[in-house]
Amino acid sequence: MPPNLVVADKVVIPERQPEGPCLSFRSTVSARHATLEDDGYSAWLYLTSQSKYEVIADCFVYSRVELPDHLVSPVGKNGPPLLTRHYGTPAALQRSVPAESLRIEFSPDGNSAVVFLRDEPWTFVTYDQKHGYSKSLSVAGPFGYPWDEQLYHDHFPNHVG
């Protein structure tokens, strides 16, 4: 068991929200897929390789539940643990995210993807890094890296944000 993992029966797990949007798009330039999945606890962005549907990069997008103090995985939840207060920004908590408030766009070369949340660039991933960058993150860790404005503009030169 990892040292930061808290056994679920010793921690109050936030109540799961209804599943949220799931968006998936394929770049016509690179043949990569970018997918946003909201499981009712949190949303993640995934980027695939060019040759097959294999995830090569991911990043935390937002949390639908209060951020716990300790790293926990809800019972029965397959996938990543909940974002903790240590890693999250105040903006990480997004209780209600309608599908129409989200969009995914690719970089001009199709090798990077960005999620817009309410028309604001929020999270992006690149093909050459395992984890991406998010405005929901305050420090680097297993969820990704804090937002990097310069790197965002390097990969998405035609976007304003």
C-alpha atoms as a PDB file:
ATOM      1  CA  MET A   1       0.000   0.000   0.000  1.00  0.00           C
ATOM      2  CA  PRO A   2       1.481   3.424  -0.933  1.00  0.00           C
ATOM      3  CA  PRO A   3       2.476   5.486   2.131  1.00  0.00           C
ATOM      4  CA  ASN A   4      -0.057   8.286   1.441  1.00  0.00           C
ATOM      5  CA  LEU A   5      -3.024   5.995   0.880  1.00  0.00           C
ATOM      6  CA  VAL A   6      -5.669   6.172   3.587  1.00  0.00           C
ATOM      7  CA  VAL A   7      -7.915   3.163   4.008  1.00  0.00           C
ATOM      8  CA  ALA A   8     -11.418   4.174   2.939  1.00  0.00           C
ATOM      9  CA  ASP A   9     -13.135   3.050   6.140  1.00  0.00           C
ATOM     10  CA  LYS A  10     -11.082   5.571   8.169  1.00  0.00           C
ATOM     11  CA  VAL A  11     -11.963   8.542   5.945  1.00  0.00           C
ATOM     12  CA  VAL A  12     -15.261  10.024   4.907  1.00  0.00           C
ATOM     13  CA  ILE A  13     -15.483   9.643   1.142  1.00  0.00           C
ATOM     14  CA  PRO A  14     -17.403  12.435  -0.601  1.00  0.00           C
ATOM     15  CA  GLU A  15     -20.680  11.333  -2.143  1.00  0.00           C
ATOM     16  CA  ARG A  16     -20.379  10.665  -5.832  1.00  0.00           C
ATOM     17  CA  GLN A  17     -22.174  13.059  -8.150  1.00  0.00           C
ATOM     18  CA  PRO A  18     -24.029  11.846 -11.241  1.00  0.00           C
ATOM     19  CA  GLU A  19     -21.684  10.996 -14.078  1.00  0.00           C
ATOM     20  CA  GLY A  20     -20.811  14.024 -16.136  1.00  0.00           C
ATOM     21  CA  PRO A  21     -19.829  14.606 -19.725  1.00  0.00           C
ATOM     22  CA  CYS A  22     -17.663  12.290 -21.763  1.00  0.00           C
ATOM     23  CA  LEU A  23     -16.166  13.863 -24.872  1.00  0.00           C
ATOM     24  CA  SER A  24     -13.866  12.174 -27.355  1.00  0.00           C
ATOM     25  CA  PHE A  25     -12.403  13.547 -30.566  1.00  0.00           C
ATOM     26  CA  ARG A  26      -9.904  12.316 -33.145  1.00  0.00           C
ATOM     27  CA  SER A  27      -7.406  14.653 -34.763  1.00  0.00           C
ATOM     28  CA  THR A  28      -7.582  14.515 -38.553  1.00  0.00           C
ATOM     29  CA  VAL A  29      -3.940  15.636 -38.632  1.00  0.00           C
ATOM     30  CA  SER A  30      -2.279  13.193 -36.201  1.00  0.00           C
ATOM     31  CA  ALA A  31      -4.952  10.476 -35.757  1.00  0.00           C
ATOM     32  CA  ARG A  32      -4.612  10.878 -31.972  1.00  0.00           C
ATOM     33  CA  HIS A  33      -7.713  10.793 -29.771  1.00  0.00           C
ATOM     34  CA  ALA A  34      -8.374  13.250 -26.953  1.00  0.00           C
ATOM     35  CA  THR A  35     -10.951  12.138 -24.399  1.00  0.00           C
ATOM     36  CA  LEU A  36     -12.432  13.867 -21.377  1.00  0.00           C
ATOM     37  CA  GLU A  37     -14.128  11.566 -18.863  1.00  0.00           C
ATOM     38  CA  ASP A  38     -16.158  12.755 -15.869  1.00  0.00           C
ATOM     39  CA  ASP A  39     -17.023   9.830 -13.571  1.00  0.00           C
ATOM     40  CA  GLY A  40     -18.972  11.866 -11.011  1.00  0.00           C
ATOM     41  CA  TYR A  41     -15.933  12.313  -8.752  1.00  0.00           C
ATOM     42  CA  SER A  42     -13.508  13.983 -11.136  1.00  0.00           C
ATOM     43  CA  ALA A  43     -12.722  14.604 -14.778  1.00  0.00           C
ATOM     44  CA  TRP A  44      -9.548  13.646 -16.607  1.00  0.00           C
ATOM     45  CA  LEU A  45      -8.170  14.389 -20.064  1.00  0.00           C
ATOM     46  CA  TYR A  46      -6.469  11.557 -21.970  1.00  0.00           C
ATOM     47  CA  LEU A  47      -4.373  11.633 -25.162  1.00  0.00           C
ATOM     48  CA  THR A  48      -3.657   8.512 -27.215  1.00  0.00           C
ATOM     49  CA  SER A  49      -0.814   7.368 -29.415  1.00  0.00           C
ATOM     50  CA  GLN A  50      -1.140   7.737 -33.172  1.00  0.00           C
ATOM     51  CA  SER A  51      -1.115   4.062 -34.078  1.00  0.00           C
ATOM     52  CA  LYS A  52      -3.622   2.645 -31.595  1.00  0.00           C
ATOM     53  CA  TYR A  53      -6.040   3.684 -28.875  1.00  0.00           C
ATOM     54  CA  GLU A  54      -3.463   3.594 -26.088  1.00  0.00           C
ATOM     55  CA  VAL A  55      -3.300   6.428 -23.547  1.00  0.00           C
ATOM     56  CA  ILE A  56       0.109   8.113 -23.575  1.00  0.00           C
ATOM     57  CA  ALA A  57      -0.678  11.265 -21.567  1.00  0.00           C
ATOM     58  CA  ASP A  58      -3.254  12.321 -18.991  1.00  0.00           C
ATOM     59  CA  CYS A  59      -4.106  15.191 -16.680  1.00  0.00           C
ATOM     60  CA  PHE A  60      -6.619  16.061 -14.010  1.00  0.00           C
ATOM     61  CA  VAL A  61      -9.265  18.538 -15.217  1.00  0.00           C
ATOM     62  CA  TYR A  62     -11.637  19.235 -12.286  1.00  0.00           C
ATOM     63  CA  SER A  63     -13.205  17.724  -9.158  1.00  0.00           C
ATOM     64  CA  ARG A  64     -16.950  17.305  -8.691  1.00  0.00           C
ATOM     65  CA  VAL A  65     -16.577  16.634  -4.948  1.00  0.00           C
ATOM     66  CA  GLU A  66     -14.859  18.367  -2.027  1.00  0.00           C
ATOM     67  CA  LEU A  67     -11.112  17.774  -2.004  1.00  0.00           C
ATOM     68  CA  PRO A  68     -10.074  15.435   0.827  1.00  0.00           C
ATOM     69  CA  ASP A  69      -6.997  16.045   2.973  1.00  0.00           C
ATOM     70  CA  HIS A  70      -5.573  12.580   2.253  1.00  0.00           C
ATOM     71  CA  LEU A  71      -5.130  10.512  -0.876  1.00  0.00           C
ATOM     72  CA  VAL A  72      -8.109   8.155  -1.119  1.00  0.00           C
ATOM     73  CA  SER A  73      -9.818   6.026  -3.716  1.00  0.00           C
ATOM     74  CA  PRO A  74     -13.541   5.569  -3.192  1.00  0.00           C
ATOM     75  CA  VAL A  75     -14.663   1.989  -2.692  1.00  0.00           C
ATOM     76  CA  GLY A  76     -15.631   0.462  -6.011  1.00  0.00           C
ATOM     77  CA  LYS A  77     -14.045   3.282  -8.034  1.00  0.00           C
ATOM     78  CA  ASN A  78     -11.701   2.070 -10.736  1.00  0.00           C
ATOM     79  CA  GLY A  79      -9.199   4.657 -11.787  1.00  0.00           C
ATOM     80  CA  PRO A  80      -7.354   7.506 -10.155  1.00  0.00           C
ATOM     81  CA  PRO A  81      -7.759   8.611  -6.550  1.00  0.00           C
ATOM     82  CA  LEU A  82      -9.515  11.847  -5.594  1.00  0.00           C
ATOM     83  CA  LEU A  83      -7.543  15.068  -5.937  1.00  0.00           C
ATOM     84  CA  THR A  84      -6.346  16.214  -2.497  1.00  0.00           C
ATOM     85  CA  ARG A  85      -6.219  19.734  -1.074  1.00  0.00           C
ATOM     86  CA  HIS A  86      -2.413  19.578  -1.229  1.00  0.00           C
ATOM     87  CA  TYR A  87      -2.434  19.336  -5.034  1.00  0.00           C
ATOM     88  CA  GLY A  88      -5.581  21.333  -5.842  1.00  0.00           C
ATOM     89  CA  THR A  89      -6.330  24.996  -6.394  1.00  0.00           C
ATOM     90  CA  PRO A  90      -9.543  26.617  -5.136  1.00  0.00           C
ATOM     91  CA  ALA A  91     -10.807  26.487  -8.741  1.00  0.00           C
ATOM     92  CA  ALA A  92     -10.471  22.678  -8.872  1.00  0.00           C
ATOM     93  CA  LEU A  93     -13.923  22.148  -7.356  1.00  0.00           C
ATOM     94  CA  GLN A  94     -16.535  22.380 -10.131  1.00  0.00           C
ATOM     95  CA  ARG A  95     -19.746  20.844  -8.791  1.00  0.00           C
ATOM     96  CA  SER A  96     -21.791  21.375 -11.953  1.00  0.00           C
ATOM     97  CA  VAL A  97     -20.229  21.110 -15.393  1.00  0.00           C
ATOM     98  CA  PRO A  98     -22.753  20.834 -18.209  1.00  0.00           C
ATOM     99  CA  ALA A  99     -21.493  19.284 -21.443  1.00  0.00           C
ATOM    100  CA  GLU A 100     -22.054  22.543 -23.335  1.00  0.00           C
ATOM    101  CA  SER A 101     -19.534  24.298 -21.058  1.00  0.00           C
ATOM    102  CA  LEU A 102     -16.735  21.995 -22.267  1.00  0.00           C
ATOM    103  CA  ARG A 103     -14.851  21.641 -25.515  1.00  0.00           C
ATOM    104  CA  ILE A 104     -11.664  19.944 -26.671  1.00  0.00           C
ATOM    105  CA  GLU A 105      -9.355  21.341 -29.329  1.00  0.00           C
ATOM    106  CA  PHE A 106      -6.151  20.004 -30.839  1.00  0.00           C
ATOM    107  CA  SER A 107      -2.928  21.882 -31.502  1.00  0.00           C
ATOM    108  CA  PRO A 108      -2.183  22.636 -35.173  1.00  0.00           C
ATOM    109  CA  ASP A 109      -0.017  19.491 -35.452  1.00  0.00           C
ATOM    110  CA  GLY A 110      -2.637  17.354 -33.665  1.00  0.00           C
ATOM    111  CA  ASN A 111      -0.142  16.166 -31.040  1.00  0.00           C
ATOM    112  CA  SER A 112      -1.531  18.148 -28.097  1.00  0.00           C
ATOM    113  CA  ALA A 113      -5.063  18.716 -26.845  1.00  0.00           C
ATOM    114  CA  VAL A 114      -6.654  21.329 -24.611  1.00  0.00           C
ATOM    115  CA  VAL A 115      -9.929  21.307 -22.656  1.00  0.00           C
ATOM    116  CA  PHE A 116     -11.810  24.572 -22.456  1.00  0.00           C
ATOM    117  CA  LEU A 117     -14.033  24.995 -19.399  1.00  0.00           C
ATOM    118  CA  ARG A 118     -16.598  27.766 -19.828  1.00  0.00           C
ATOM    119  CA  ASP A 119     -14.563  29.117 -22.774  1.00  0.00           C
ATOM    120  CA  GLU A 120     -11.340  29.284 -20.734  1.00  0.00           C
ATOM    121  CA  PRO A 121      -8.380  27.026 -21.579  1.00  0.00           C
ATOM    122  CA  TRP A 122      -8.206  24.830 -18.472  1.00  0.00           C
ATOM    123  CA  THR A 123      -6.147  21.684 -19.010  1.00  0.00           C
ATOM    124  CA  PHE A 124      -3.805  20.524 -21.763  1.00  0.00           C
ATOM    125  CA  VAL A 125      -1.738  17.444 -22.577  1.00  0.00           C
ATOM    126  CA  THR A 126       1.106  16.920 -25.034  1.00  0.00           C
ATOM    127  CA  TYR A 127       2.304  13.757 -26.744  1.00  0.00           C
ATOM    128  CA  ASP A 128       5.806  14.031 -25.279  1.00  0.00           C
ATOM    129  CA  GLN A 129       4.914  14.233 -21.555  1.00  0.00           C
ATOM    130  CA  LYS A 130       3.124  11.614 -19.472  1.00  0.00           C
ATOM    131  CA  HIS A 131       1.192  14.243 -17.480  1.00  0.00           C
ATOM    132  CA  GLY A 132      -0.354  17.499 -18.603  1.00  0.00           C
ATOM    133  CA  TYR A 133      -1.039  20.931 -17.132  1.00  0.00           C
ATOM    134  CA  SER A 134      -4.164  22.175 -15.363  1.00  0.00           C
ATOM    135  CA  LYS A 135      -5.516  25.302 -13.699  1.00  0.00           C
ATOM    136  CA  SER A 136      -6.935  22.939 -11.066  1.00  0.00           C
ATOM    137  CA  LEU A 137      -3.442  21.989  -9.868  1.00  0.00           C
ATOM    138  CA  SER A 138      -1.261  23.998  -7.487  1.00  0.00           C
ATOM    139  CA  VAL A 139       1.777  21.690  -7.332  1.00  0.00           C
ATOM    140  CA  ALA A 140       3.247  19.001  -9.562  1.00  0.00           C
ATOM    141  CA  GLY A 141       2.462  15.408  -8.708  1.00  0.00           C
ATOM    142  CA  PRO A 142       0.576  12.311  -9.824  1.00  0.00           C
ATOM    143  CA  PHE A 143      -2.331  14.404 -11.148  1.00  0.00           C
ATOM    144  CA  GLY A 144      -0.206  16.521 -13.495  1.00  0.00           C
ATOM    145  CA  TYR A 145       1.436  19.936 -13.349  1.00  0.00           C
ATOM    146  CA  PRO A 146       0.188  23.432 -12.538  1.00  0.00           C
ATOM    147  CA  TRP A 147      -0.851  25.518 -15.548  1.00  0.00           C
ATOM    148  CA  ASP A 148       2.054  26.801 -17.669  1.00  0.00           C
ATOM    149  CA  GLU A 149       0.945  29.764 -19.773  1.00  0.00           C
ATOM    150  CA  GLN A 150       4.102  29.901 -21.902  1.00  0.00           C
ATOM    151  CA  LEU A 151       4.012  26.188 -22.691  1.00  0.00           C
ATOM    152  CA  TYR A 152       0.320  26.502 -23.535  1.00  0.00           C
ATOM    153  CA  HIS A 153       1.104  29.229 -26.085  1.00  0.00           C
ATOM    154  CA  ASP A 154       4.015  27.194 -27.468  1.00  0.00           C
ATOM    155  CA  HIS A 155       1.658  24.302 -28.288  1.00  0.00           C
ATOM    156  CA  PHE A 156      -1.456  26.326 -29.121  1.00  0.00           C
ATOM    157  CA  PRO A 157      -0.114  29.486 -30.798  1.00  0.00           C
ATOM    158  CA  ASN A 158      -3.467  30.448 -32.329  1.00  0.00           C
ATOM    159  CA  HIS A 159      -5.382  30.348 -29.035  1.00  0.00           C
ATOM    160  CA  VAL A 160      -5.909  33.235 -26.692  1.00  0.00           C
ATOM    161  CA  GLY A 161      -5.946  32.389 -23.019  1.00  0.00           C
END
